[in-house]
PDB file of N, CA and C in Angstrom:
ATOM      1  N   MET A   1       0.830  -1.178   0.000  1.00  0.00           N
ATOM      2  CA  MET A   1       0.000  -0.001   0.001  1.00  0.00           C
ATOM      3  C   MET A   1       0.884   1.256   0.000  1.00  0.00           C
ATOM      4  N   THR A   2       1.929   1.237   0.803  1.00  0.00           N
ATOM      5  CA  THR A   2       2.818   2.402   0.876  1.00  0.00           C
ATOM      6  C   THR A   2       3.499   2.657  -0.465  1.00  0.00           C
ATOM      7  N   ALA A   3       4.023   1.618  -1.068  1.00  0.00           N
ATOM      8  CA  ALA A   3       4.698   1.764  -2.354  1.00  0.00           C
ATOM      9  C   ALA A   3       3.731   2.251  -3.427  1.00  0.00           C
ATOM     10  N   ARG A   4       2.529   1.715  -3.439  1.00  0.00           N
ATOM     11  CA  ARG A   4       1.525   2.150  -4.418  1.00  0.00           C
ATOM     12  C   ARG A   4       1.113   3.587  -4.170  1.00  0.00           C
ATOM     13  N   THR A   5       0.984   3.973  -2.917  1.00  0.00           N
ATOM     14  CA  THR A   5       0.639   5.359  -2.596  1.00  0.00           C
ATOM     15  C   THR A   5       1.733   6.300  -3.074  1.00  0.00           C
ATOM     16  N   LEU A   6       2.983   5.964  -2.813  1.00  0.00           N
ATOM     17  CA  LEU A   6       4.102   6.802  -3.252  1.00  0.00           C
ATOM     18  C   LEU A   6       4.135   6.897  -4.764  1.00  0.00           C
ATOM     19  N   GLU A   7       3.961   5.782  -5.454  1.00  0.00           N
ATOM     20  CA  GLU A   7       3.970   5.782  -6.918  1.00  0.00           C
ATOM     21  C   GLU A   7       2.871   6.695  -7.470  1.00  0.00           C
ATOM     22  N   SER A   8       1.684   6.593  -6.900  1.00  0.00           N
ATOM     23  CA  SER A   8       0.565   7.423  -7.342  1.00  0.00           C
ATOM     24  C   SER A   8       0.828   8.899  -7.051  1.00  0.00           C
ATOM     25  N   LEU A   9       1.376   9.168  -5.888  1.00  0.00           N
ATOM     26  CA  LEU A   9       1.677  10.548  -5.501  1.00  0.00           C
ATOM     27  C   LEU A   9       2.695  11.162  -6.459  1.00  0.00           C
ATOM     28  N   LEU A  10       3.755  10.440  -6.736  1.00  0.00           N
ATOM     29  CA  LEU A  10       4.785  10.957  -7.640  1.00  0.00           C
ATOM     30  C   LEU A  10       4.239  11.125  -9.056  1.00  0.00           C
ATOM     31  N   SER A  11       3.369  10.231  -9.468  1.00  0.00           N
ATOM     32  CA  SER A  11       2.774  10.331 -10.797  1.00  0.00           C
ATOM     33  C   SER A  11       1.888  11.560 -10.937  1.00  0.00           C
ATOM     34  N   SER A  12       1.309  12.006  -9.833  1.00  0.00           N
ATOM     35  CA  SER A  12       0.429  13.176  -9.890  1.00  0.00           C
ATOM     36  C   SER A  12       1.198  14.451 -10.208  1.00  0.00           C
ATOM     37  N   GLY A  13       2.484  14.490  -9.836  1.00  0.00           N
ATOM     38  CA  GLY A  13       3.290  15.673 -10.079  1.00  0.00           C
ATOM     39  C   GLY A  13       3.008  16.821  -9.127  1.00  0.00           C
ATOM     40  N   GLU A  14       2.129  16.616  -8.175  1.00  0.00           N
ATOM     41  CA  GLU A  14       1.768  17.693  -7.248  1.00  0.00           C
ATOM     42  C   GLU A  14       2.869  18.001  -6.252  1.00  0.00           C
ATOM     43  N   CYS A  15       3.541  16.967  -5.774  1.00  0.00           N
ATOM     44  CA  CYS A  15       4.640  17.166  -4.835  1.00  0.00           C
ATOM     45  C   CYS A  15       5.602  15.985  -4.965  1.00  0.00           C
ATOM     46  N   TRP A  16       6.766  16.135  -4.381  1.00  0.00           N
ATOM     47  CA  TRP A  16       7.749  15.062  -4.443  1.00  0.00           C
ATOM     48  C   TRP A  16       8.045  14.575  -3.037  1.00  0.00           C
ATOM     49  N   CYS A  17       8.098  13.270  -2.887  1.00  0.00           N
ATOM     50  CA  CYS A  17       8.483  12.631  -1.628  1.00  0.00           C
ATOM     51  C   CYS A  17       9.398  11.475  -1.975  1.00  0.00           C
ATOM     52  N   GLY A  18      10.158  11.039  -1.005  1.00  0.00           N
ATOM     53  CA  GLY A  18      11.052   9.918  -1.227  1.00  0.00           C
ATOM     54  C   GLY A  18      10.562   8.678  -0.501  1.00  0.00           C
ATOM     55  N   GLY A  19      10.944   7.553  -1.023  1.00  0.00           N
ATOM     56  CA  GLY A  19      10.636   6.293  -0.365  1.00  0.00           C
ATOM     57  C   GLY A  19      11.847   5.824   0.427  1.00  0.00           C
ATOM     58  N   SER A  20      11.590   5.095   1.487  1.00  0.00           N
ATOM     59  CA  SER A  20      12.668   4.576   2.315  1.00  0.00           C
ATOM     60  C   SER A  20      12.141   3.384   3.104  1.00  0.00           C
ATOM     61  N   GLN A  21      12.937   2.920   4.045  1.00  0.00           N
ATOM     62  CA  GLN A  21      12.555   1.838   4.957  1.00  0.00           C
ATOM     63  C   GLN A  21      12.742   2.326   6.388  1.00  0.00           C
ATOM     64  N   TRP A  22      11.828   1.959   7.268  1.00  0.00           N
ATOM     65  CA  TRP A  22      11.953   2.255   8.689  1.00  0.00           C
ATOM     66  C   TRP A  22      11.584   0.985   9.433  1.00  0.00           C
ATOM     67  N   GLN A  23      12.532   0.469  10.185  1.00  0.00           N
ATOM     68  CA  GLN A  23      12.340  -0.767  10.937  1.00  0.00           C
ATOM     69  C   GLN A  23      11.814  -1.880  10.034  1.00  0.00           C
ATOM     70  N   GLY A  24      12.387  -1.939   8.819  1.00  0.00           N
ATOM     71  CA  GLY A  24      12.056  -2.995   7.887  1.00  0.00           C
ATOM     72  C   GLY A  24      10.763  -2.810   7.111  1.00  0.00           C
ATOM     73  N   LYS A  25      10.100  -1.666   7.283  1.00  0.00           N
ATOM     74  CA  LYS A  25       8.835  -1.424   6.595  1.00  0.00           C
ATOM     75  C   LYS A  25       8.982  -0.217   5.669  1.00  0.00           C
ATOM     76  N   PRO A  26       8.280  -0.240   4.521  1.00  0.00           N
ATOM     77  CA  PRO A  26       8.364   0.894   3.609  1.00  0.00           C
ATOM     78  C   PRO A  26       7.685   2.128   4.203  1.00  0.00           C
ATOM     79  N   VAL A  27       8.290   3.284   3.973  1.00  0.00           N
ATOM     80  CA  VAL A  27       7.741   4.555   4.444  1.00  0.00           C
ATOM     81  C   VAL A  27       7.871   5.594   3.334  1.00  0.00           C
ATOM     82  N   ILE A  28       7.122   6.670   3.489  1.00  0.00           N
ATOM     83  CA  ILE A  28       7.218   7.814   2.586  1.00  0.00           C
ATOM     84  C   ILE A  28       7.857   8.947   3.365  1.00  0.00           C
ATOM     85  N   ARG A  29       8.962   9.462   2.828  1.00  0.00           N
ATOM     86  CA  ARG A  29       9.680  10.557   3.479  1.00  0.00           C
ATOM     87  C   ARG A  29       9.143  11.880   2.946  1.00  0.00           C
ATOM     88  N   VAL A  30       8.761  12.761   3.866  1.00  0.00           N
ATOM     89  CA  VAL A  30       8.153  14.034   3.515  1.00  0.00           C
ATOM     90  C   VAL A  30       8.948  15.176   4.135  1.00  0.00           C
ATOM     91  N   SER A  31       9.129  16.241   3.387  1.00  0.00           N
ATOM     92  CA  SER A  31       9.737  17.451   3.917  1.00  0.00           C
ATOM     93  C   SER A  31       8.904  18.636   3.455  1.00  0.00           C
ATOM     94  N   VAL A  32       8.389  19.397   4.384  1.00  0.00           N
ATOM     95  CA  VAL A  32       7.583  20.580   4.049  1.00  0.00           C
ATOM     96  C   VAL A  32       8.203  21.850   4.615  1.00  0.00           C
ATOM     97  N   CYS A  33       9.445  21.748   4.982  1.00  0.00           N
ATOM     98  CA  CYS A  33      10.120  22.868   5.630  1.00  0.00           C
ATOM     99  C   CYS A  33      10.858  23.716   4.591  1.00  0.00           C
ATOM    100  N   SER A  34      10.274  24.828   4.226  1.00  0.00           N
ATOM    101  CA  SER A  34      10.888  25.748   3.293  1.00  0.00           C
ATOM    102  C   SER A  34      10.306  27.136   3.527  1.00  0.00           C
ATOM    103  N   TRP A  35      11.122  28.133   3.397  1.00  0.00           N
ATOM    104  CA  TRP A  35      10.638  29.496   3.608  1.00  0.00           C
ATOM    105  C   TRP A  35       9.630  29.913   2.539  1.00  0.00           C
ATOM    106  N   ILE A  36       9.647  29.231   1.417  1.00  0.00           N
ATOM    107  CA  ILE A  36       8.752  29.594   0.317  1.00  0.00           C
ATOM    108  C   ILE A  36       7.454  28.778   0.308  1.00  0.00           C
ATOM    109  N   THR A  37       7.353  27.744   1.145  1.00  0.00           N
ATOM    110  CA  THR A  37       6.152  26.910   1.206  1.00  0.00           C
ATOM    111  C   THR A  37       5.004  27.708   1.797  1.00  0.00           C
ATOM    112  N   THR A  38       3.869  27.685   1.100  1.00  0.00           N
ATOM    113  CA  THR A  38       2.686  28.410   1.573  1.00  0.00           C
ATOM    114  C   THR A  38       1.663  27.437   2.153  1.00  0.00           C
ATOM    115  N   ALA A  39       0.679  27.985   2.835  1.00  0.00           N
ATOM    116  CA  ALA A  39      -0.410  27.159   3.361  1.00  0.00           C
ATOM    117  C   ALA A  39      -1.145  26.464   2.216  1.00  0.00           C
ATOM    118  N   ASP A  40      -1.279  27.138   1.069  1.00  0.00           N
ATOM    119  CA  ASP A  40      -1.916  26.526  -0.093  1.00  0.00           C
ATOM    120  C   ASP A  40      -1.095  25.342  -0.608  1.00  0.00           C
ATOM    121  N   ASP A  41       0.246  25.478  -0.597  1.00  0.00           N
ATOM    122  CA  ASP A  41       1.114  24.368  -1.005  1.00  0.00           C
ATOM    123  C   ASP A  41       0.870  23.148  -0.117  1.00  0.00           C
ATOM    124  N   VAL A  42       0.776  23.376   1.170  1.00  0.00           N
ATOM    125  CA  VAL A  42       0.555  22.276   2.118  1.00  0.00           C
ATOM    126  C   VAL A  42      -0.811  21.640   1.872  1.00  0.00           C
ATOM    127  N   SER A  43      -1.831  22.468   1.678  1.00  0.00           N
ATOM    128  CA  SER A  43      -3.178  21.943   1.422  1.00  0.00           C
ATOM    129  C   SER A  43      -3.221  21.100   0.154  1.00  0.00           C
ATOM    130  N   ARG A  44      -2.572  21.568  -0.910  1.00  0.00           N
ATOM    131  CA  ARG A  44      -2.539  20.810  -2.159  1.00  0.00           C
ATOM    132  C   ARG A  44      -1.776  19.498  -1.975  1.00  0.00           C
ATOM    133  N   SER A  45      -0.697  19.531  -1.209  1.00  0.00           N
ATOM    134  CA  SER A  45       0.077  18.310  -0.965  1.00  0.00           C
ATOM    135  C   SER A  45      -0.729  17.298  -0.169  1.00  0.00           C
ATOM    136  N   VAL A  46      -1.441  17.763   0.850  1.00  0.00           N
ATOM    137  CA  VAL A  46      -2.276  16.864   1.650  1.00  0.00           C
ATOM    138  C   VAL A  46      -3.364  16.250   0.770  1.00  0.00           C
ATOM    139  N   ALA A  47      -3.992  17.058  -0.067  1.00  0.00           N
ATOM    140  CA  ALA A  47      -5.022  16.543  -0.978  1.00  0.00           C
ATOM    141  C   ALA A  47      -4.427  15.509  -1.926  1.00  0.00           C
ATOM    142  N   ALA A  48      -3.207  15.745  -2.400  1.00  0.00           N
ATOM    143  CA  ALA A  48      -2.544  14.787  -3.286  1.00  0.00           C
ATOM    144  C   ALA A  48      -2.263  13.473  -2.552  1.00  0.00           C
ATOM    145  N   PHE A  49      -1.858  13.559  -1.279  1.00  0.00           N
ATOM    146  CA  PHE A  49      -1.632  12.352  -0.480  1.00  0.00           C
ATOM    147  C   PHE A  49      -2.927  11.569  -0.312  1.00  0.00           C
ATOM    148  N   VAL A  50      -4.005  12.252  -0.001  1.00  0.00           N
ATOM    149  CA  VAL A  50      -5.294  11.580   0.197  1.00  0.00           C
ATOM    150  C   VAL A  50      -5.735  10.895  -1.094  1.00  0.00           C
ATOM    151  N   ALA A  51      -5.614  11.600  -2.218  1.00  0.00           N
ATOM    152  CA  ALA A  51      -5.997  11.012  -3.507  1.00  0.00           C
ATOM    153  C   ALA A  51      -5.121   9.804  -3.840  1.00  0.00           C
ATOM    154  N   ALA A  52      -3.828   9.906  -3.573  1.00  0.00           N
ATOM    155  CA  ALA A  52      -2.907   8.800  -3.849  1.00  0.00           C
ATOM    156  C   ALA A  52      -3.225   7.603  -2.958  1.00  0.00           C
ATOM    157  N   ARG A  53      -3.522   7.855  -1.699  1.00  0.00           N
ATOM    158  CA  ARG A  53      -3.892   6.765  -0.791  1.00  0.00           C
ATOM    159  C   ARG A  53      -5.171   6.092  -1.251  1.00  0.00           C
ATOM    160  N   ASP A  54      -6.148   6.904  -1.632  1.00  0.00           N
ATOM    161  CA  ASP A  54      -7.424   6.348  -2.092  1.00  0.00           C
ATOM    162  C   ASP A  54      -7.230   5.515  -3.363  1.00  0.00           C
ATOM    163  N   GLN A  55      -6.391   5.986  -4.253  1.00  0.00           N
ATOM    164  CA  GLN A  55      -6.105   5.240  -5.481  1.00  0.00           C
ATOM    165  C   GLN A  55      -5.407   3.923  -5.153  1.00  0.00           C
ATOM    166  N   ALA A  56      -4.467   3.957  -4.216  1.00  0.00           N
ATOM    167  CA  ALA A  56      -3.761   2.733  -3.809  1.00  0.00           C
ATOM    168  C   ALA A  56      -4.745   1.736  -3.175  1.00  0.00           C
ATOM    169  N   ARG A  57      -5.629   2.231  -2.330  1.00  0.00           N
ATOM    170  CA  ARG A  57      -6.641   1.348  -1.708  1.00  0.00           C
ATOM    171  C   ARG A  57      -7.526   0.700  -2.765  1.00  0.00           C
ATOM    172  N   ALA A  58      -7.960   1.492  -3.729  1.00  0.00           N
ATOM    173  CA  ALA A  58      -8.848   0.986  -4.772  1.00  0.00           C
ATOM    174  C   ALA A  58      -8.160  -0.086  -5.608  1.00  0.00           C
ATOM    175  N   SER A  59      -6.862   0.072  -5.819  1.00  0.00           N
ATOM    176  CA  SER A  59      -6.132  -0.908  -6.631  1.00  0.00           C
ATOM    177  C   SER A  59      -5.957  -2.233  -5.899  1.00  0.00           C
ATOM    178  N   LEU A  60      -6.094  -2.216  -4.589  1.00  0.00           N
ATOM    179  CA  LEU A  60      -5.944  -3.448  -3.797  1.00  0.00           C
ATOM    180  C   LEU A  60      -7.276  -4.154  -3.572  1.00  0.00           C
ATOM    181  N   ALA A  61      -8.364  -3.445  -3.872  1.00  0.00           N
ATOM    182  CA  ALA A  61      -9.700  -4.023  -3.607  1.00  0.00           C
ATOM    183  C   ALA A  61     -10.096  -5.065  -4.623  1.00  0.00           C
TER     184      ALA A  61
END
């Protein structure tokens, strides 16, 4: 699910995140710390994450 969510998120082009492993499990690495990041940027990124998660869930159903 994590890998599919990351793939969908990156395919959207809305934001970039990296994949990694934490305690042997796949994770998505996120960084939102920038002086130029706006509240709208964060809102769009969150919406992209939700859409990517929903797409990943649907692909597993």
